[in-house]
């Protein structure tokens, strides 16, 4: 198995982990013999998929086409949004509050999450 990484944030994506994959290949049309490139898999983690879909359209025709497909996936089912929030909650749980060195507060301390 090939190790996959999110194209946008470079997070590793393990086999079976929730993600969005865009497959890209090129093929000649109207030319004999037909030429076809190898397909490449481009992966995005759930957070980057949702972020891309909710953000402004990127520049460039190819980027716009991929952006439209990702928006369609994100809008069609809530499971990708849920996966993104689950991953963000895991990250939040591992962060320390602003102004602390290494002491993790109890869950009852009333701390807040700061970006």
Protein backbone atom coordinates (compact mmCIF):
# COMPACT_ATOMS: atom_id res chain seq x y z
CA UNK A 1 0.00 0.00 0.00
CA UNK A 2 1.19 3.47 -0.87
CA UNK A 3 1.26 6.07 1.90
CA UNK A 4 -1.16 8.86 1.02
CA UNK A 5 -1.02 12.43 2.24
CA UNK A 6 -3.54 15.26 2.06
CA UNK A 7 -2.54 17.46 -0.87
CA UNK A 8 -3.47 20.61 1.03
CA UNK A 9 -2.14 20.07 4.58
CA UNK A 10 0.18 17.05 4.13
CA UNK A 11 -1.48 15.03 6.93
CA UNK A 12 -0.96 11.29 6.44
CA UNK A 13 -4.09 9.42 5.33
CA UNK A 14 -4.05 5.77 6.34
CA UNK A 15 -5.76 3.03 4.33
CA UNK A 16 -9.46 2.96 5.17
CA UNK A 17 -9.39 6.40 6.80
CA UNK A 18 -12.14 8.81 5.74
CA UNK A 19 -10.96 11.13 2.96
CA UNK A 20 -11.80 12.42 -0.51
CA UNK A 21 -9.84 11.08 -3.47
CA UNK A 22 -9.68 12.81 -6.85
CA UNK A 23 -8.42 10.60 -9.67
CA UNK A 24 -6.73 12.45 -12.49
CA UNK A 25 -5.72 11.11 -15.90
CA UNK A 26 -5.42 12.51 -19.41
CA UNK A 27 -6.55 10.93 -22.67
CA UNK A 28 -6.38 12.03 -26.28
CA UNK A 29 -9.66 12.38 -28.17
CA UNK A 30 -10.02 12.16 -31.95
CA UNK A 31 -6.44 11.01 -32.41
CA UNK A 32 -5.54 7.47 -33.43
CA UNK A 33 -4.01 5.59 -31.71
CA UNK A 34 -5.57 6.87 -28.49
CA UNK A 35 -3.06 7.83 -25.83
CA UNK A 36 -3.88 7.60 -22.12
CA UNK A 37 -1.78 8.66 -19.14
CA UNK A 38 -1.51 6.76 -15.89
CA UNK A 39 -4.13 7.76 -13.32
CA UNK A 40 -2.97 9.67 -10.26
CA UNK A 41 -4.83 9.68 -6.95
CA UNK A 42 -4.97 13.02 -5.16
CA UNK A 43 -6.28 12.83 -1.58
CA UNK A 44 -7.79 15.39 0.78
CA UNK A 45 -8.48 14.85 4.50
CA UNK A 46 -12.04 15.58 5.71
CA UNK A 47 -11.10 18.96 7.22
CA UNK A 48 -9.47 20.20 4.00
CA UNK A 49 -12.34 18.81 1.88
CA UNK A 50 -14.96 20.71 3.87
CA UNK A 51 -12.77 23.82 4.03
CA UNK A 52 -12.20 23.77 0.28
CA UNK A 53 -15.88 23.22 -0.46
CA UNK A 54 -17.00 26.09 1.77
CA UNK A 55 -14.35 28.52 0.58
CA UNK A 56 -14.19 30.69 -2.51
CA UNK A 57 -13.48 29.06 -5.88
CA UNK A 58 -9.79 28.68 -6.75
CA UNK A 59 -8.18 30.13 -9.86
CA UNK A 60 -7.64 28.02 -12.95
CA UNK A 61 -9.98 25.85 -14.98
CA UNK A 62 -8.66 22.52 -13.68
CA UNK A 63 -8.80 23.72 -10.07
CA UNK A 64 -12.37 24.94 -10.62
CA UNK A 65 -13.43 21.54 -11.98
CA UNK A 66 -11.96 19.67 -8.98
CA UNK A 67 -13.43 22.26 -6.57
CA UNK A 68 -16.89 21.74 -8.07
CA UNK A 69 -16.65 17.97 -7.63
CA UNK A 70 -15.50 18.31 -4.00
CA UNK A 71 -18.34 20.77 -3.27
CA UNK A 72 -20.82 18.29 -4.72
CA UNK A 73 -19.49 15.49 -2.48
CA UNK A 74 -19.52 17.62 0.67
CA UNK A 75 -23.05 18.87 -0.03
CA UNK A 76 -24.46 15.43 -0.87
CA UNK A 77 -23.88 13.71 2.47
CA UNK A 78 -23.21 14.87 6.03
CA UNK A 79 -20.77 12.03 6.82
CA UNK A 80 -17.77 13.98 5.50
CA UNK A 81 -18.71 16.99 7.63
CA UNK A 82 -19.06 14.72 10.68
CA UNK A 83 -15.63 13.18 10.00
CA UNK A 84 -14.09 16.64 9.79
CA UNK A 85 -15.61 17.66 13.15
CA UNK A 86 -14.52 14.40 14.79
CA UNK A 87 -10.95 14.99 13.70
CA UNK A 88 -11.06 18.61 14.88
CA UNK A 89 -12.36 17.49 18.29
CA UNK A 90 -9.45 15.03 18.58
CA UNK A 91 -6.99 17.84 17.82
CA UNK A 92 -8.71 20.16 20.29
CA UNK A 93 -8.45 17.56 23.05
CA UNK A 94 -4.69 17.33 22.57
CA UNK A 95 -4.06 21.10 22.68
CA UNK A 96 -3.09 22.98 25.81
CA UNK A 97 -4.85 26.23 26.73
CA UNK A 98 -3.15 29.49 25.81
CA UNK A 99 -0.66 30.62 28.44
CA UNK A 100 0.17 27.18 29.85
CA UNK A 101 3.40 25.26 29.52
CA UNK A 102 2.73 21.58 29.97
CA UNK A 103 0.08 21.15 32.66
CA UNK A 104 -3.15 19.79 31.25
CA UNK A 105 -6.20 21.27 33.04
CA UNK A 106 -9.10 19.12 34.16
CA UNK A 107 -12.21 18.99 32.02
CA UNK A 108 -13.99 21.06 34.68
CA UNK A 109 -11.59 24.03 34.50
CA UNK A 110 -13.80 25.94 32.03
CA UNK A 111 -10.98 26.59 29.57
CA UNK A 112 -11.64 27.61 26.02
CA UNK A 113 -10.29 26.77 22.58
CA UNK A 114 -8.43 29.61 20.89
CA UNK A 115 -7.35 29.78 17.25
